[in-house]
Amino acid sequence: MKSTACAWRQLLFHLALCDADEQASVLTWIDARAARLPARAAARIARPLADLRQAAAVR
């Protein structure tokens, strides 16, 4: 859990440094990676990824 929280904070920091096009590219990459996950894992991260996309859109 601690590693996940650290990785999440690093991702948010990285996205904060990106311009809108770079953010879109990163989010597209994340979606492609998530699509290759087993269904159970993809379901578990679907909501956090939706929140991430929403937060990036607000910027």
PDB file of N, CA and C in Angstrom:
ATOM      1  N   MET A   1       0.822  -1.184   0.000  1.00  0.00           N
ATOM      2  CA  MET A   1       0.000   0.000   0.000  1.00  0.00           C
ATOM      3  C   MET A   1       0.870   1.254   0.000  1.00  0.00           C
ATOM      4  N   LYS A   2       1.937   1.230   0.776  1.00  0.00           N
ATOM      5  CA  LYS A   2       2.827   2.391   0.849  1.00  0.00           C
ATOM      6  C   LYS A   2       3.471   2.654  -0.511  1.00  0.00           C
ATOM      7  N   SER A   3       3.875   1.615  -1.197  1.00  0.00           N
ATOM      8  CA  SER A   3       4.491   1.763  -2.517  1.00  0.00           C
ATOM      9  C   SER A   3       3.497   2.332  -3.524  1.00  0.00           C
ATOM     10  N   THR A   4       2.263   1.901  -3.427  1.00  0.00           N
ATOM     11  CA  THR A   4       1.228   2.394  -4.328  1.00  0.00           C
ATOM     12  C   THR A   4       0.989   3.881  -4.115  1.00  0.00           C
ATOM     13  N   ALA A   5       0.926   4.292  -2.866  1.00  0.00           N
ATOM     14  CA  ALA A   5       0.711   5.707  -2.553  1.00  0.00           C
ATOM     15  C   ALA A   5       1.868   6.556  -3.066  1.00  0.00           C
ATOM     16  N   CYS A   6       3.080   6.066  -2.922  1.00  0.00           N
ATOM     17  CA  CYS A   6       4.259   6.788  -3.409  1.00  0.00           C
ATOM     18  C   CYS A   6       4.226   6.902  -4.933  1.00  0.00           C
ATOM     19  N   ALA A   7       3.891   5.821  -5.604  1.00  0.00           N
ATOM     20  CA  ALA A   7       3.818   5.834  -7.063  1.00  0.00           C
ATOM     21  C   ALA A   7       2.733   6.790  -7.548  1.00  0.00           C
ATOM     22  N   TRP A   8       1.608   6.810  -6.848  1.00  0.00           N
ATOM     23  CA  TRP A   8       0.506   7.691  -7.223  1.00  0.00           C
ATOM     24  C   TRP A   8       0.936   9.155  -7.097  1.00  0.00           C
ATOM     25  N   ARG A   9       1.606   9.503  -6.004  1.00  0.00           N
ATOM     26  CA  ARG A   9       2.076  10.880  -5.812  1.00  0.00           C
ATOM     27  C   ARG A   9       3.084  11.262  -6.896  1.00  0.00           C
ATOM     28  N   GLN A  10       3.961  10.342  -7.254  1.00  0.00           N
ATOM     29  CA  GLN A  10       4.938  10.623  -8.309  1.00  0.00           C
ATOM     30  C   GLN A  10       4.242  10.848  -9.649  1.00  0.00           C
ATOM     31  N   LEU A  11       3.213  10.069  -9.923  1.00  0.00           N
ATOM     32  CA  LEU A  11       2.447  10.248 -11.160  1.00  0.00           C
ATOM     33  C   LEU A  11       1.778  11.615 -11.190  1.00  0.00           C
ATOM     34  N   LEU A  12       1.156  12.001 -10.090  1.00  0.00           N
ATOM     35  CA  LEU A  12       0.504  13.310 -10.027  1.00  0.00           C
ATOM     36  C   LEU A  12       1.518  14.434 -10.209  1.00  0.00           C
ATOM     37  N   PHE A  13       2.679  14.310  -9.587  1.00  0.00           N
ATOM     38  CA  PHE A  13       3.725  15.312  -9.728  1.00  0.00           C
ATOM     39  C   PHE A  13       4.177  15.398 -11.184  1.00  0.00           C
ATOM     40  N   HIS A  14       4.386  14.256 -11.814  1.00  0.00           N
ATOM     41  CA  HIS A  14       4.807  14.215 -13.211  1.00  0.00           C
ATOM     42  C   HIS A  14       3.772  14.908 -14.102  1.00  0.00           C
ATOM     43  N   LEU A  15       2.508  14.589 -13.900  1.00  0.00           N
ATOM     44  CA  LEU A  15       1.465  15.195 -14.727  1.00  0.00           C
ATOM     45  C   LEU A  15       1.375  16.702 -14.503  1.00  0.00           C
ATOM     46  N   ALA A  16       1.655  17.146 -13.290  1.00  0.00           N
ATOM     47  CA  ALA A  16       1.611  18.583 -13.003  1.00  0.00           C
ATOM     48  C   ALA A  16       2.689  19.339 -13.771  1.00  0.00           C
ATOM     49  N   LEU A  17       3.766  18.671 -14.115  1.00  0.00           N
ATOM     50  CA  LEU A  17       4.861  19.304 -14.847  1.00  0.00           C
ATOM     51  C   LEU A  17       4.646  19.284 -16.356  1.00  0.00           C
ATOM     52  N   CYS A  18       3.684  18.507 -16.819  1.00  0.00           N
ATOM     53  CA  CYS A  18       3.438  18.357 -18.254  1.00  0.00           C
ATOM     54  C   CYS A  18       2.468  19.420 -18.761  1.00  0.00           C
ATOM     55  N   ASP A  19       2.628  19.765 -20.040  1.00  0.00           N
ATOM     56  CA  ASP A  19       1.606  20.613 -20.658  1.00  0.00           C
ATOM     57  C   ASP A  19       0.426  19.721 -21.053  1.00  0.00           C
ATOM     58  N   ALA A  20      -0.627  20.306 -21.573  1.00  0.00           N
ATOM     59  CA  ALA A  20      -1.856  19.573 -21.866  1.00  0.00           C
ATOM     60  C   ALA A  20      -1.640  18.425 -22.863  1.00  0.00           C
ATOM     61  N   ASP A  21      -0.828  18.654 -23.891  1.00  0.00           N
ATOM     62  CA  ASP A  21      -0.567  17.597 -24.877  1.00  0.00           C
ATOM     63  C   ASP A  21       0.194  16.433 -24.255  1.00  0.00           C
ATOM     64  N   GLU A  22       1.178  16.742 -23.431  1.00  0.00           N
ATOM     65  CA  GLU A  22       1.939  15.687 -22.756  1.00  0.00           C
ATOM     66  C   GLU A  22       1.054  14.914 -21.784  1.00  0.00           C
ATOM     67  N   GLN A  23       0.190  15.625 -21.068  1.00  0.00           N
ATOM     68  CA  GLN A  23      -0.732  14.950 -20.160  1.00  0.00           C
ATOM     69  C   GLN A  23      -1.626  13.987 -20.935  1.00  0.00           C
ATOM     70  N   ALA A  24      -2.146  14.435 -22.062  1.00  0.00           N
ATOM     71  CA  ALA A  24      -3.006  13.574 -22.879  1.00  0.00           C
ATOM     72  C   ALA A  24      -2.244  12.336 -23.345  1.00  0.00           C
ATOM     73  N   SER A  25      -0.995  12.523 -23.716  1.00  0.00           N
ATOM     74  CA  SER A  25      -0.169  11.400 -24.161  1.00  0.00           C
ATOM     75  C   SER A  25       0.061  10.403 -23.022  1.00  0.00           C
ATOM     76  N   VAL A  26       0.367  10.907 -21.853  1.00  0.00           N
ATOM     77  CA  VAL A  26       0.595  10.036 -20.694  1.00  0.00           C
ATOM     78  C   VAL A  26      -0.687   9.287 -20.337  1.00  0.00           C
ATOM     79  N   LEU A  27      -1.814   9.982 -20.333  1.00  0.00           N
ATOM     80  CA  LEU A  27      -3.081   9.332 -19.997  1.00  0.00           C
ATOM     81  C   LEU A  27      -3.460   8.276 -21.031  1.00  0.00           C
ATOM     82  N   THR A  28      -3.156   8.530 -22.295  1.00  0.00           N
ATOM     83  CA  THR A  28      -3.395   7.536 -23.341  1.00  0.00           C
ATOM     84  C   THR A  28      -2.530   6.306 -23.111  1.00  0.00           C
ATOM     85  N   TRP A  29      -1.272   6.527 -22.741  1.00  0.00           N
ATOM     86  CA  TRP A  29      -0.361   5.421 -22.446  1.00  0.00           C
ATOM     87  C   TRP A  29      -0.878   4.612 -21.259  1.00  0.00           C
ATOM     88  N   ILE A  30      -1.324   5.298 -20.214  1.00  0.00           N
ATOM     89  CA  ILE A  30      -1.846   4.618 -19.029  1.00  0.00           C
ATOM     90  C   ILE A  30      -3.068   3.783 -19.405  1.00  0.00           C
ATOM     91  N   ASP A  31      -3.957   4.346 -20.214  1.00  0.00           N
ATOM     92  CA  ASP A  31      -5.147   3.600 -20.645  1.00  0.00           C
ATOM     93  C   ASP A  31      -4.763   2.352 -21.432  1.00  0.00           C
ATOM     94  N   ALA A  32      -3.761   2.466 -22.287  1.00  0.00           N
ATOM     95  CA  ALA A  32      -3.312   1.311 -23.075  1.00  0.00           C
ATOM     96  C   ALA A  32      -2.742   0.227 -22.166  1.00  0.00           C
ATOM     97  N   ARG A  33      -1.983   0.644 -21.168  1.00  0.00           N
ATOM     98  CA  ARG A  33      -1.423  -0.335 -20.218  1.00  0.00           C
ATOM     99  C   ARG A  33      -2.535  -0.984 -19.400  1.00  0.00           C
ATOM    100  N   ALA A  34      -3.502  -0.185 -18.960  1.00  0.00           N
ATOM    101  CA  ALA A  34      -4.605  -0.717 -18.158  1.00  0.00           C
ATOM    102  C   ALA A  34      -5.440  -1.702 -18.963  1.00  0.00           C
ATOM    103  N   ALA A  35      -5.558  -1.479 -20.260  1.00  0.00           N
ATOM    104  CA  ALA A  35      -6.342  -2.372 -21.113  1.00  0.00           C
ATOM    105  C   ALA A  35      -5.730  -3.764 -21.193  1.00  0.00           C
ATOM    106  N   ARG A  36      -4.443  -3.878 -20.921  1.00  0.00           N
ATOM    107  CA  ARG A  36      -3.766  -5.179 -20.981  1.00  0.00           C
ATOM    108  C   ARG A  36      -3.817  -5.925 -19.654  1.00  0.00           C
ATOM    109  N   LEU A  37      -4.372  -5.299 -18.622  1.00  0.00           N
ATOM    110  CA  LEU A  37      -4.459  -5.940 -17.317  1.00  0.00           C
ATOM    111  C   LEU A  37      -5.591  -6.959 -17.299  1.00  0.00           C
ATOM    112  N   PRO A  38      -5.491  -7.920 -16.394  1.00  0.00           N
ATOM    113  CA  PRO A  38      -6.640  -8.823 -16.206  1.00  0.00           C
ATOM    114  C   PRO A  38      -7.867  -8.014 -15.785  1.00  0.00           C
ATOM    115  N   ALA A  39      -9.035  -8.522 -16.104  1.00  0.00           N
ATOM    116  CA  ALA A  39     -10.287  -7.791 -15.867  1.00  0.00           C
ATOM    117  C   ALA A  39     -10.433  -7.345 -14.414  1.00  0.00           C
ATOM    118  N   ARG A  40     -10.066  -8.198 -13.483  1.00  0.00           N
ATOM    119  CA  ARG A  40     -10.213  -7.848 -12.062  1.00  0.00           C
ATOM    120  C   ARG A  40      -9.323  -6.664 -11.688  1.00  0.00           C
ATOM    121  N   ALA A  41      -8.099  -6.661 -12.161  1.00  0.00           N
ATOM    122  CA  ALA A  41      -7.180  -5.558 -11.867  1.00  0.00           C
ATOM    123  C   ALA A  41      -7.647  -4.278 -12.551  1.00  0.00           C
ATOM    124  N   ALA A  42      -8.098  -4.396 -13.782  1.00  0.00           N
ATOM    125  CA  ALA A  42      -8.584  -3.227 -14.516  1.00  0.00           C
ATOM    126  C   ALA A  42      -9.790  -2.615 -13.814  1.00  0.00           C
ATOM    127  N   ALA A  43     -10.658  -3.458 -13.283  1.00  0.00           N
ATOM    128  CA  ALA A  43     -11.837  -2.960 -12.574  1.00  0.00           C
ATOM    129  C   ALA A  43     -11.437  -2.212 -11.301  1.00  0.00           C
ATOM    130  N   ARG A  44     -10.399  -2.692 -10.636  1.00  0.00           N
ATOM    131  CA  ARG A  44      -9.961  -2.048  -9.385  1.00  0.00           C
ATOM    132  C   ARG A  44      -9.355  -0.673  -9.618  1.00  0.00           C
ATOM    133  N   ILE A  45      -8.735  -0.469 -10.765  1.00  0.00           N
ATOM    134  CA  ILE A  45      -8.098   0.836 -11.004  1.00  0.00           C
ATOM    135  C   ILE A  45      -8.925   1.759 -11.886  1.00  0.00           C
ATOM    136  N   ALA A  46     -10.071   1.283 -12.349  1.00  0.00           N
ATOM    137  CA  ALA A  46     -10.897   2.094 -13.254  1.00  0.00           C
ATOM    138  C   ALA A  46     -11.314   3.416 -12.613  1.00  0.00           C
ATOM    139  N   ARG A  47     -11.790   3.378 -11.392  1.00  0.00           N
ATOM    140  CA  ARG A  47     -12.250   4.613 -10.737  1.00  0.00           C
ATOM    141  C   ARG A  47     -11.096   5.590 -10.483  1.00  0.00           C
ATOM    142  N   PRO A  48      -9.959   5.141  -9.919  1.00  0.00           N
ATOM    143  CA  PRO A  48      -8.851   6.085  -9.742  1.00  0.00           C
ATOM    144  C   PRO A  48      -8.366   6.690 -11.058  1.00  0.00           C
ATOM    145  N   LEU A  49      -8.365   5.907 -12.131  1.00  0.00           N
ATOM    146  CA  LEU A  49      -7.943   6.452 -13.421  1.00  0.00           C
ATOM    147  C   LEU A  49      -8.957   7.462 -13.960  1.00  0.00           C
ATOM    148  N   ALA A  50     -10.231   7.215 -13.723  1.00  0.00           N
ATOM    149  CA  ALA A  50     -11.259   8.184 -14.133  1.00  0.00           C
ATOM    150  C   ALA A  50     -11.072   9.486 -13.353  1.00  0.00           C
ATOM    151  N   ASP A  51     -10.782   9.368 -12.068  1.00  0.00           N
ATOM    152  CA  ASP A  51     -10.527  10.570 -11.250  1.00  0.00           C
ATOM    153  C   ASP A  51      -9.281  11.302 -11.737  1.00  0.00           C
ATOM    154  N   LEU A  52      -8.275  10.560 -12.135  1.00  0.00           N
ATOM    155  CA  LEU A  52      -7.051  11.156 -12.646  1.00  0.00           C
ATOM    156  C   LEU A  52      -7.320  11.932 -13.933  1.00  0.00           C
ATOM    157  N   ARG A  53      -8.082  11.330 -14.842  1.00  0.00           N
ATOM    158  CA  ARG A  53      -8.440  12.028 -16.086  1.00  0.00           C
ATOM    159  C   ARG A  53      -9.246  13.292 -15.802  1.00  0.00           C
ATOM    160  N   GLN A  54     -10.157  13.211 -14.836  1.00  0.00           N
ATOM    161  CA  GLN A  54     -10.965  14.374 -14.480  1.00  0.00           C
ATOM    162  C   GLN A  54     -10.079  15.470 -13.890  1.00  0.00           C
ATOM    163  N   ALA A  55      -9.154  15.113 -13.033  1.00  0.00           N
ATOM    164  CA  ALA A  55      -8.256  16.101 -12.430  1.00  0.00           C
ATOM    165  C   ALA A  55      -7.384  16.754 -13.502  1.00  0.00           C
ATOM    166  N   ALA A  56      -6.923  15.966 -14.468  1.00  0.00           N
ATOM    167  CA  ALA A  56      -6.091  16.525 -15.537  1.00  0.00           C
ATOM    168  C   ALA A  56      -6.904  17.463 -16.419  1.00  0.00           C
ATOM    169  N   ALA A  57      -8.170  17.188 -16.594  1.00  0.00           N
ATOM    170  CA  ALA A  57      -9.031  18.028 -17.429  1.00  0.00           C
ATOM    171  C   ALA A  57      -9.319  19.377 -16.776  1.00  0.00           C
ATOM    172  N   VAL A  58      -9.336  19.417 -15.464  1.00  0.00           N
ATOM    173  CA  VAL A  58      -9.638  20.649 -14.721  1.00  0.00           C
ATOM    174  C   VAL A  58      -8.530  21.670 -14.895  1.00  0.00           C
ATOM    175  N   ARG A  59      -7.339  21.187 -15.010  1.00  0.00           N
ATOM    176  CA  ARG A  59      -6.177  22.052 -15.114  1.00  0.00           C
ATOM    177  C   ARG A  59      -6.360  22.947 -16.278  1.00  0.00           C
TER     178      ARG A  59
END
